[in-house]
Amino acid sequence: LTGDQGDDLVYQVYLPVYAAVAHFHGKLKGDRDALIEEARKFSFG
């Protein structure tokens, strides 16, 4: 939940939910679940 200097895990775990929220508000298109999975792979890759 909380990042710190040199600890960036929080940014990785939040990216998939950013994708889901942006999709809900019409900022991103396509299949939501597929978008979340792509964001997850990118985040941890």
All heavy atoms as atom14 arrays in JSON, in Angstrom:
{
  "sequence": "LTGDQGDDLVYQVYLPVYAAVAHFHGKLKGDRDALIEEARKFSFG",
  "atom14_mask": [
    [1, 1, 1, 1, 1, 1, 1, 1, 0, 0, 0, 0, 0, 0],
    [1, 1, 1, 1, 1, 1, 1, 0, 0, 0, 0, 0, 0, 0],
    [1, 1, 1, 1, 0, 0, 0, 0, 0, 0, 0, 0, 0, 0],
    [1, 1, 1, 1, 1, 1, 1, 1, 0, 0, 0, 0, 0, 0],
    [1, 1, 1, 1, 1, 1, 1, 1, 1, 0, 0, 0, 0, 0],
    [1, 1, 1, 1, 0, 0, 0, 0, 0, 0, 0, 0, 0, 0],
    [1, 1, 1, 1, 1, 1, 1, 1, 0, 0, 0, 0, 0, 0],
    [1, 1, 1, 1, 1, 1, 1, 1, 0, 0, 0, 0, 0, 0],
    [1, 1, 1, 1, 1, 1, 1, 1, 0, 0, 0, 0, 0, 0],
    [1, 1, 1, 1, 1, 1, 1, 0, 0, 0, 0, 0, 0, 0],
    [1, 1, 1, 1, 1, 1, 1, 1, 1, 1, 1, 1, 0, 0],
    [1, 1, 1, 1, 1, 1, 1, 1, 1, 0, 0, 0, 0, 0],
    [1, 1, 1, 1, 1, 1, 1, 0, 0, 0, 0, 0, 0, 0],
    [1, 1, 1, 1, 1, 1, 1, 1, 1, 1, 1, 1, 0, 0],
    [1, 1, 1, 1, 1, 1, 1, 1, 0, 0, 0, 0, 0, 0],
    [1, 1, 1, 1, 1, 1, 1, 0, 0, 0, 0, 0, 0, 0],
    [1, 1, 1, 1, 1, 1, 1, 0, 0, 0, 0, 0, 0, 0],
    [1, 1, 1, 1, 1, 1, 1, 1, 1, 1, 1, 1, 0, 0],
    [1, 1, 1, 1, 1, 0, 0, 0, 0, 0, 0, 0, 0, 0],
    [1, 1, 1, 1, 1, 0, 0, 0, 0, 0, 0, 0, 0, 0],
    [1, 1, 1, 1, 1, 1, 1, 0, 0, 0, 0, 0, 0, 0],
    [1, 1, 1, 1, 1, 0, 0, 0, 0, 0, 0, 0, 0, 0],
    [1, 1, 1, 1, 1, 1, 1, 1, 1, 1, 0, 0, 0, 0],
    [1, 1, 1, 1, 1, 1, 1, 1, 1, 1, 1, 0, 0, 0],
    [1, 1, 1, 1, 1, 1, 1, 1, 1, 1, 0, 0, 0, 0],
    [1, 1, 1, 1, 0, 0, 0, 0, 0, 0, 0, 0, 0, 0],
    [1, 1, 1, 1, 1, 1, 1, 1, 1, 0, 0, 0, 0, 0],
    [1, 1, 1, 1, 1, 1, 1, 1, 0, 0, 0, 0, 0, 0],
    [1, 1, 1, 1, 1, 1, 1, 1, 1, 0, 0, 0, 0, 0],
    [1, 1, 1, 1, 0, 0, 0, 0, 0, 0, 0, 0, 0, 0],
    [1, 1, 1, 1, 1, 1, 1, 1, 0, 0, 0, 0, 0, 0],
    [1, 1, 1, 1, 1, 1, 1, 1, 1, 1, 1, 0, 0, 0],
    [1, 1, 1, 1, 1, 1, 1, 1, 0, 0, 0, 0, 0, 0],
    [1, 1, 1, 1, 1, 0, 0, 0, 0, 0, 0, 0, 0, 0],
    [1, 1, 1, 1, 1, 1, 1, 1, 0, 0, 0, 0, 0, 0],
    [1, 1, 1, 1, 1, 1, 1, 1, 0, 0, 0, 0, 0, 0],
    [1, 1, 1, 1, 1, 1, 1, 1, 1, 0, 0, 0, 0, 0],
    [1, 1, 1, 1, 1, 1, 1, 1, 1, 0, 0, 0, 0, 0],
    [1, 1, 1, 1, 1, 0, 0, 0, 0, 0, 0, 0, 0, 0],
    [1, 1, 1, 1, 1, 1, 1, 1, 1, 1, 1, 0, 0, 0],
    [1, 1, 1, 1, 1, 1, 1, 1, 1, 0, 0, 0, 0, 0],
    [1, 1, 1, 1, 1, 1, 1, 1, 1, 1, 1, 0, 0, 0],
    [1, 1, 1, 1, 1, 1, 0, 0, 0, 0, 0, 0, 0, 0],
    [1, 1, 1, 1, 1, 1, 1, 1, 1, 1, 1, 0, 0, 0],
    [1, 1, 1, 1, 0, 0, 0, 0, 0, 0, 0, 0, 0, 0]
  ],
  "atom14_positions": [
    [[0.81, -1.22, 0.0], [0.0, 0.0, 0.0], [0.83, 1.27, 0.0], [0.4, 2.3, -0.49], [-0.92, 0.04, 1.23], [-2.07, -0.93, 1.34], [-2.96, -0.53, 2.49], [-2.87, -1.01, 0.05], [0.0, 0.0, 0.0], [0.0, 0.0, 0.0], [0.0, 0.0, 0.0], [0.0, 0.0, 0.0], [0.0, 0.0, 0.0], [0.0, 0.0, 0.0]],
    [[2.02, 1.2, 0.57], [2.81, 2.4, 0.77], [4.21, 2.24, 0.2], [4.97, 1.38, 0.65], [2.91, 2.73, 2.28], [1.59, 2.75, 2.83], [3.59, 4.06, 2.5], [0.0, 0.0, 0.0], [0.0, 0.0, 0.0], [0.0, 0.0, 0.0], [0.0, 0.0, 0.0], [0.0, 0.0, 0.0], [0.0, 0.0, 0.0], [0.0, 0.0, 0.0]],
    [[4.54, 3.04, -0.77], [5.87, 3.0, -1.34], [6.87, 3.77, -0.48], [6.49, 4.52, 0.42], [0.0, 0.0, 0.0], [0.0, 0.0, 0.0], [0.0, 0.0, 0.0], [0.0, 0.0, 0.0], [0.0, 0.0, 0.0], [0.0, 0.0, 0.0], [0.0, 0.0, 0.0], [0.0, 0.0, 0.0], [0.0, 0.0, 0.0], [0.0, 0.0, 0.0]],
    [[8.13, 3.59, -0.76], [9.18, 4.28, -0.04], [10.37, 4.44, -0.97], [10.41, 3.83, -2.06], [9.58, 3.5, 1.21], [10.13, 4.39, 2.3], [10.51, 5.54, 2.0], [10.18, 3.94, 3.46], [0.0, 0.0, 0.0], [0.0, 0.0, 0.0], [0.0, 0.0, 0.0], [0.0, 0.0, 0.0], [0.0, 0.0, 0.0], [0.0, 0.0, 0.0]],
    [[11.32, 5.24, -0.57], [12.51, 5.46, -1.38], [13.18, 4.12, -1.7], [13.57, 3.38, -0.81], [13.49, 6.36, -0.64], [14.71, 6.77, -1.46], [14.36, 7.74, -2.58], [13.43, 8.53, -2.43], [15.07, 7.67, -3.69], [0.0, 0.0, 0.0], [0.0, 0.0, 0.0], [0.0, 0.0, 0.0], [0.0, 0.0, 0.0], [0.0, 0.0, 0.0]],
    [[13.26, 3.81, -2.99], [13.89, 2.56, -3.4], [12.99, 1.34, -3.34], [13.42, 0.23, -3.69], [0.0, 0.0, 0.0], [0.0, 0.0, 0.0], [0.0, 0.0, 0.0], [0.0, 0.0, 0.0], [0.0, 0.0, 0.0], [0.0, 0.0, 0.0], [0.0, 0.0, 0.0], [0.0, 0.0, 0.0], [0.0, 0.0, 0.0], [0.0, 0.0, 0.0]],
    [[11.74, 1.51, -2.92], [10.79, 0.4, -2.85], [9.6, 0.74, -3.74], [8.75, 1.54, -3.37], [10.35, 0.17, -1.4], [9.47, -1.07, -1.25], [9.12, -1.69, -2.27], [9.13, -1.41, -0.1], [0.0, 0.0, 0.0], [0.0, 0.0, 0.0], [0.0, 0.0, 0.0], [0.0, 0.0, 0.0], [0.0, 0.0, 0.0], [0.0, 0.0, 0.0]],
    [[9.53, 0.12, -4.9], [8.54, 0.5, -5.92], [7.43, -0.52, -6.11], [6.67, -0.43, -7.07], [9.25, 0.71, -7.26], [10.23, 1.88, -7.24], [9.88, 2.91, -6.63], [11.33, 1.76, -7.8], [0.0, 0.0, 0.0], [0.0, 0.0, 0.0], [0.0, 0.0, 0.0], [0.0, 0.0, 0.0], [0.0, 0.0, 0.0], [0.0, 0.0, 0.0]],
    [[7.29, -1.47, -5.21], [6.27, -2.5, -5.36], [4.87, -1.9, -5.49], [4.04, -2.38, -6.27], [6.32, -3.47, -4.18], [5.22, -4.53, -4.13], [5.3, -5.46, -5.35], [5.29, -5.34, -2.84], [0.0, 0.0, 0.0], [0.0, 0.0, 0.0], [0.0, 0.0, 0.0], [0.0, 0.0, 0.0], [0.0, 0.0, 0.0], [0.0, 0.0, 0.0]],
    [[4.6, -0.85, -4.71], [3.27, -0.26, -4.7], [2.83, 0.18, -6.1], [1.65, 0.06, -6.47], [3.21, 0.92, -3.71], [4.13, 2.05, -4.13], [1.79, 1.42, -3.54], [0.0, 0.0, 0.0], [0.0, 0.0, 0.0], [0.0, 0.0, 0.0], [0.0, 0.0, 0.0], [0.0, 0.0, 0.0], [0.0, 0.0, 0.0], [0.0, 0.0, 0.0]],
    [[3.76, 0.68, -6.92], [3.4, 1.13, -8.27], [3.03, -0.05, -9.17], [2.18, 0.07, -10.05], [4.55, 1.92, -8.87], [4.98, 3.08, -8.01], [6.2, 3.07, -7.34], [4.14, 4.18, -7.84], [6.58, 4.11, -6.52], [4.51, 5.24, -7.03], [5.73, 5.2, -6.37], [6.1, 6.24, -5.55], [0.0, 0.0, 0.0], [0.0, 0.0, 0.0]],
    [[3.64, -1.18, -8.92], [3.34, -2.37, -9.7], [1.96, -2.93, -9.38], [1.19, -3.28, -10.28], [4.39, -3.46, -9.45], [5.78, -3.12, -9.97], [6.78, -4.21, -9.62], [7.49, -4.11, -8.63], [6.82, -5.25, -10.42], [0.0, 0.0, 0.0], [0.0, 0.0, 0.0], [0.0, 0.0, 0.0], [0.0, 0.0, 0.0], [0.0, 0.0, 0.0]],
    [[1.62, -3.01, -8.09], [0.34, -3.62, -7.72], [-0.85, -2.71, -8.02], [-1.99, -3.19, -8.14], [0.32, -4.05, -6.24], [1.42, -5.06, -5.95], [0.43, -2.86, -5.3], [0.0, 0.0, 0.0], [0.0, 0.0, 0.0], [0.0, 0.0, 0.0], [0.0, 0.0, 0.0], [0.0, 0.0, 0.0], [0.0, 0.0, 0.0], [0.0, 0.0, 0.0]],
    [[-0.6, -1.41, -8.19], [-1.7, -0.49, -8.47], [-2.01, -0.35, -9.96], [-3.12, 0.04, -10.33], [-1.43, 0.89, -7.87], [-2.03, 1.07, -6.5], [-1.27, 0.93, -5.36], [-3.39, 1.38, -6.36], [-1.83, 1.1, -4.09], [-3.96, 1.54, -5.11], [-3.18, 1.4, -3.97], [-3.75, 1.55, -2.73], [0.0, 0.0, 0.0], [0.0, 0.0, 0.0]],
    [[-1.07, -0.64, -10.83], [-1.31, -0.4, -12.26], [-2.52, -1.16, -12.79], [-3.33, -0.58, -13.54], [-0.06, -0.74, -13.07], [-0.15, -0.38, -14.56], [-0.35, 1.12, -14.75], [1.1, -0.85, -15.31], [0.0, 0.0, 0.0], [0.0, 0.0, 0.0], [0.0, 0.0, 0.0], [0.0, 0.0, 0.0], [0.0, 0.0, 0.0], [0.0, 0.0, 0.0]],
    [[-2.73, -2.44, -12.47], [-3.93, -3.13, -12.98], [-5.24, -2.48, -12.55], [-6.2, -2.44, -13.33], [-3.78, -4.54, -12.41], [-2.31, -4.73, -12.24], [-1.83, -3.38, -11.77], [0.0, 0.0, 0.0], [0.0, 0.0, 0.0], [0.0, 0.0, 0.0], [0.0, 0.0, 0.0], [0.0, 0.0, 0.0], [0.0, 0.0, 0.0], [0.0, 0.0, 0.0]],
    [[-5.31, -1.96, -11.33], [-6.55, -1.3, -10.91], [-6.7, 0.05, -11.59], [-7.83, 0.49, -11.87], [-6.61, -1.18, -9.36], [-5.74, -0.09, -8.82], [-8.04, -0.96, -8.89], [0.0, 0.0, 0.0], [0.0, 0.0, 0.0], [0.0, 0.0, 0.0], [0.0, 0.0, 0.0], [0.0, 0.0, 0.0], [0.0, 0.0, 0.0], [0.0, 0.0, 0.0]],
    [[-5.6, 0.73, -11.91], [-5.69, 1.95, -12.72], [-6.37, 1.64, -14.06], [-7.21, 2.41, -14.54], [-4.31, 2.53, -12.99], [-3.58, 3.1, -11.8], [-2.24, 3.48, -11.92], [-4.2, 3.31, -10.58], [-1.54, 4.02, -10.84], [-3.51, 3.83, -9.5], [-2.18, 4.19, -9.63], [-1.49, 4.72, -8.56], [0.0, 0.0, 0.0], [0.0, 0.0, 0.0]],
    [[-5.98, 0.53, -14.64], [-6.55, 0.13, -15.94], [-8.05, -0.11, -15.82], [-8.84, 0.33, -16.67], [-5.84, -1.12, -16.45], [0.0, 0.0, 0.0], [0.0, 0.0, 0.0], [0.0, 0.0, 0.0], [0.0, 0.0, 0.0], [0.0, 0.0, 0.0], [0.0, 0.0, 0.0], [0.0, 0.0, 0.0], [0.0, 0.0, 0.0], [0.0, 0.0, 0.0]],
    [[-8.47, -0.8, -14.74], [-9.89, -1.09, -14.55], [-10.7, 0.19, -14.35], [-11.78, 0.36, -14.92], [-10.07, -2.02, -13.35], [0.0, 0.0, 0.0], [0.0, 0.0, 0.0], [0.0, 0.0, 0.0], [0.0, 0.0, 0.0], [0.0, 0.0, 0.0], [0.0, 0.0, 0.0], [0.0, 0.0, 0.0], [0.0, 0.0, 0.0], [0.0, 0.0, 0.0]],
    [[-10.16, 1.11, -13.56], [-10.87, 2.37, -13.27], [-10.93, 3.25, -14.52], [-11.98, 3.84, -14.83], [-10.18, 3.11, -12.12], [-10.8, 4.49, -11.91], [-10.27, 2.29, -10.84], [0.0, 0.0, 0.0], [0.0, 0.0, 0.0], [0.0, 0.0, 0.0], [0.0, 0.0, 0.0], [0.0, 0.0, 0.0], [0.0, 0.0, 0.0], [0.0, 0.0, 0.0]],
    [[-9.83, 3.35, -15.23], [-9.81, 4.16, -16.45], [-10.79, 3.6, -17.47], [-11.47, 4.36, -18.19], [-8.4, 4.2, -17.04], [0.0, 0.0, 0.0], [0.0, 0.0, 0.0], [0.0, 0.0, 0.0], [0.0, 0.0, 0.0], [0.0, 0.0, 0.0], [0.0, 0.0, 0.0], [0.0, 0.0, 0.0], [0.0, 0.0, 0.0], [0.0, 0.0, 0.0]],
    [[-10.89, 2.28, -17.54], [-11.85, 1.66, -18.46], [-13.27, 2.0, -18.06], [-14.13, 2.32, -18.91], [-11.64, 0.15, -18.48], [-12.52, -0.58, -19.45], [-13.82, -0.95, -19.14], [-12.3, -1.0, -20.73], [-14.35, -1.57, -20.18], [-13.45, -1.61, -21.16], [0.0, 0.0, 0.0], [0.0, 0.0, 0.0], [0.0, 0.0, 0.0], [0.0, 0.0, 0.0]],
    [[-13.57, 1.96, -16.77], [-14.92, 2.27, -16.29], [-15.32, 3.69, -16.68], [-16.48, 3.94, -17.04], [-15.0, 2.1, -14.77], [-16.34, 2.47, -14.2], [-17.38, 1.55, -14.17], [-16.58, 3.75, -13.69], [-18.62, 1.9, -13.65], [-17.82, 4.1, -13.18], [-18.85, 3.17, -13.15], [0.0, 0.0, 0.0], [0.0, 0.0, 0.0], [0.0, 0.0, 0.0]],
    [[-14.38, 4.63, -16.6], [-14.69, 6.03, -16.89], [-14.51, 6.39, -18.37], [-14.52, 7.57, -18.72], [-13.84, 6.94, -16.01], [-14.25, 6.91, -14.56], [-15.42, 7.48, -14.1], [-13.64, 6.36, -13.47], [-15.52, 7.3, -12.79], [-14.45, 6.61, -12.38], [0.0, 0.0, 0.0], [0.0, 0.0, 0.0], [0.0, 0.0, 0.0], [0.0, 0.0, 0.0]],
    [[-14.35, 5.38, -19.2], [-14.3, 5.61, -20.64], [-12.99, 6.14, -21.16], [-12.92, 6.59, -22.32], [0.0, 0.0, 0.0], [0.0, 0.0, 0.0], [0.0, 0.0, 0.0], [0.0, 0.0, 0.0], [0.0, 0.0, 0.0], [0.0, 0.0, 0.0], [0.0, 0.0, 0.0], [0.0, 0.0, 0.0], [0.0, 0.0, 0.0], [0.0, 0.0, 0.0]],
    [[-11.93, 6.08, -20.38], [-10.62, 6.56, -20.83], [-9.88, 5.5, -21.65], [-8.95, 5.84, -22.4], [-9.76, 6.96, -19.62], [-10.32, 8.12, -18.81], [-10.32, 9.4, -19.62], [-10.83, 10.58, -18.82], [-10.76, 11.85, -19.58], [0.0, 0.0, 0.0], [0.0, 0.0, 0.0], [0.0, 0.0, 0.0], [0.0, 0.0, 0.0], [0.0, 0.0, 0.0]],
    [[-10.26, 4.26, -21.47], [-9.65, 3.15, -22.22], [-10.76, 2.31, -22.83], [-11.84, 2.17, -22.25], [-8.78, 2.29, -21.3], [-7.63, 3.0, -20.56], [-6.92, 2.0, -19.66], [-6.65, 3.63, -21.53], [0.0, 0.0, 0.0], [0.0, 0.0, 0.0], [0.0, 0.0, 0.0], [0.0, 0.0, 0.0], [0.0, 0.0, 0.0], [0.0, 0.0, 0.0]],
    [[-10.47, 1.72, -23.98], [-11.46, 0.92, -24.69], [-11.06, -0.56, -24.66], [-9.99, -0.93, -24.22], [-11.6, 1.41, -26.13], [-11.92, 2.88, -26.27], [-13.24, 3.24, -25.61], [-13.57, 4.73, -25.78], [-14.81, 5.1, -25.08], [0.0, 0.0, 0.0], [0.0, 0.0, 0.0], [0.0, 0.0, 0.0], [0.0, 0.0, 0.0], [0.0, 0.0, 0.0]],
    [[-11.95, -1.39, -25.18], [-11.68, -2.81, -25.29], [-12.25, -3.6, -24.13], [-13.03, -3.08, -23.31], [0.0, 0.0, 0.0], [0.0, 0.0, 0.0], [0.0, 0.0, 0.0], [0.0, 0.0, 0.0], [0.0, 0.0, 0.0], [0.0, 0.0, 0.0], [0.0, 0.0, 0.0], [0.0, 0.0, 0.0], [0.0, 0.0, 0.0], [0.0, 0.0, 0.0]],
    [[-11.89, -4.87, -24.07], [-12.37, -5.77, -23.03], [-11.65, -5.46, -21.71], [-10.42, -5.49, -21.64], [-12.12, -7.23, -23.43], [-12.61, -8.2, -22.39], [-13.83, -8.42, -22.3], [-11.76, -8.73, -21.63], [0.0, 0.0, 0.0], [0.0, 0.0, 0.0], [0.0, 0.0, 0.0], [0.0, 0.0, 0.0], [0.0, 0.0, 0.0], [0.0, 0.0, 0.0]],
    [[-12.42, -5.18, -20.68], [-11.81, -4.78, -19.42], [-10.92, -5.86, -18.82], [-9.79, -5.58, -18.4], [-12.88, -4.42, -18.4], [-12.32, -3.9, -17.08], [-13.31, -4.04, -15.94], [-13.67, -5.44, -15.71], [-14.58, -5.85, -14.84], [-15.24, -4.95, -14.13], [-14.87, -7.12, -14.68], [0.0, 0.0, 0.0], [0.0, 0.0, 0.0], [0.0, 0.0, 0.0]],
    [[-11.42, -7.07, -18.75], [-10.66, -8.13, -18.1], [-9.36, -8.43, -18.84], [-8.32, -8.69, -18.22], [-11.51, -9.4, -17.98], [-12.68, -9.21, -17.01], [-12.65, -8.24, -16.23], [-13.6, -10.05, -17.02], [0.0, 0.0, 0.0], [0.0, 0.0, 0.0], [0.0, 0.0, 0.0], [0.0, 0.0, 0.0], [0.0, 0.0, 0.0], [0.0, 0.0, 0.0]],
    [[-9.42, -8.37, -20.17], [-8.21, -8.59, -20.97], [-7.22, -7.46, -20.73], [-6.0, -7.68, -20.65], [-8.56, -8.68, -22.45], [0.0, 0.0, 0.0], [0.0, 0.0, 0.0], [0.0, 0.0, 0.0], [0.0, 0.0, 0.0], [0.0, 0.0, 0.0], [0.0, 0.0, 0.0], [0.0, 0.0, 0.0], [0.0, 0.0, 0.0], [0.0, 0.0, 0.0]],
    [[-7.75, -6.23, -20.6], [-6.9, -5.06, -20.34], [-6.2, -5.19, -18.98], [-5.0, -4.91, -18.85], [-7.75, -3.8, -20.38], [-7.03, -2.46, -20.18], [-6.1, -2.19, -21.35], [-8.06, -1.33, -20.03], [0.0, 0.0, 0.0], [0.0, 0.0, 0.0], [0.0, 0.0, 0.0], [0.0, 0.0, 0.0], [0.0, 0.0, 0.0], [0.0, 0.0, 0.0]],
    [[-6.95, -5.63, -17.97], [-6.37, -5.81, -16.63], [-5.25, -6.84, -16.67], [-4.18, -6.64, -16.07], [-7.46, -6.24, -15.63], [-8.45, -5.09, -15.38], [-6.84, -6.68, -14.3], [-9.66, -5.49, -14.54], [0.0, 0.0, 0.0], [0.0, 0.0, 0.0], [0.0, 0.0, 0.0], [0.0, 0.0, 0.0], [0.0, 0.0, 0.0], [0.0, 0.0, 0.0]],
    [[-5.47, -7.93, -17.38], [-4.46, -8.98, -17.46], [-3.21, -8.5, -18.19], [-2.08, -8.81, -17.77], [-5.04, -10.22, -18.15], [-4.12, -11.42, -18.16], [-3.67, -11.86, -16.78], [-4.46, -11.72, -15.82], [-2.52, -12.32, -16.64], [0.0, 0.0, 0.0], [0.0, 0.0, 0.0], [0.0, 0.0, 0.0], [0.0, 0.0, 0.0], [0.0, 0.0, 0.0]],
    [[-3.4, -7.73, -19.25], [-2.25, -7.17, -19.96], [-1.47, -6.2, -19.07], [-0.23, -6.2, -19.05], [-2.71, -6.43, -21.22], [-3.2, -7.34, -22.34], [-3.69, -6.55, -23.53], [-3.14, -5.44, -23.77], [-4.62, -7.0, -24.23], [0.0, 0.0, 0.0], [0.0, 0.0, 0.0], [0.0, 0.0, 0.0], [0.0, 0.0, 0.0], [0.0, 0.0, 0.0]],
    [[-2.2, -5.38, -18.33], [-1.56, -4.44, -17.41], [-0.78, -5.19, -16.33], [0.33, -4.78, -15.95], [-2.6, -3.52, -16.78], [0.0, 0.0, 0.0], [0.0, 0.0, 0.0], [0.0, 0.0, 0.0], [0.0, 0.0, 0.0], [0.0, 0.0, 0.0], [0.0, 0.0, 0.0], [0.0, 0.0, 0.0], [0.0, 0.0, 0.0], [0.0, 0.0, 0.0]],
    [[-1.33, -6.29, -15.85], [-0.66, -7.08, -14.82], [0.64, -7.68, -15.35], [1.68, -7.65, -14.68], [-1.61, -8.18, -14.33], [-1.04, -9.04, -13.22], [-2.07, -10.02, -12.7], [-3.19, -9.35, -12.04], [-4.47, -9.45, -12.44], [-4.78, -10.18, -13.51], [-5.41, -8.8, -11.8], [0.0, 0.0, 0.0], [0.0, 0.0, 0.0], [0.0, 0.0, 0.0]],
    [[0.59, -8.22, -16.55], [1.8, -8.81, -17.14], [2.88, -7.75, -17.35], [4.06, -7.98, -17.09], [1.45, -9.49, -18.46], [0.64, -10.77, -18.3], [0.31, -11.38, -19.65], [-0.48, -12.68, -19.48], [-0.86, -13.28, -20.8], [0.0, 0.0, 0.0], [0.0, 0.0, 0.0], [0.0, 0.0, 0.0], [0.0, 0.0, 0.0], [0.0, 0.0, 0.0]],
    [[2.46, -6.59, -17.83], [3.42, -5.5, -18.04], [3.99, -5.02, -16.71], [5.19, -4.75, -16.57], [2.73, -4.35, -18.78], [3.58, -3.11, -18.9], [4.7, -3.09, -19.72], [3.26, -1.96, -18.19], [5.49, -1.94, -19.83], [4.03, -0.81, -18.29], [5.15, -0.81, -19.11], [0.0, 0.0, 0.0], [0.0, 0.0, 0.0], [0.0, 0.0, 0.0]],
    [[3.11, -4.91, -15.71], [3.51, -4.39, -14.42], [4.57, -5.27, -13.75], [5.54, -4.76, -13.17], [2.29, -4.27, -13.5], [2.6, -3.55, -12.34], [0.0, 0.0, 0.0], [0.0, 0.0, 0.0], [0.0, 0.0, 0.0], [0.0, 0.0, 0.0], [0.0, 0.0, 0.0], [0.0, 0.0, 0.0], [0.0, 0.0, 0.0], [0.0, 0.0, 0.0]],
    [[4.39, -6.58, -13.84], [5.34, -7.49, -13.2], [6.39, -8.0, -14.2], [7.15, -8.92, -13.88], [4.6, -8.65, -12.54], [3.82, -8.22, -11.33], [2.47, -7.91, -11.43], [4.44, -8.08, -10.11], [1.75, -7.49, -10.32], [3.74, -7.65, -8.99], [2.38, -7.36, -9.1], [0.0, 0.0, 0.0], [0.0, 0.0, 0.0], [0.0, 0.0, 0.0]],
    [[6.41, -7.38, -15.39], [7.41, -7.71, -16.4], [8.28, -6.5, -16.7], [9.11, -6.09, -15.88], [0.0, 0.0, 0.0], [0.0, 0.0, 0.0], [0.0, 0.0, 0.0], [0.0, 0.0, 0.0], [0.0, 0.0, 0.0], [0.0, 0.0, 0.0], [0.0, 0.0, 0.0], [0.0, 0.0, 0.0], [0.0, 0.0, 0.0], [0.0, 0.0, 0.0]]
  ]
}
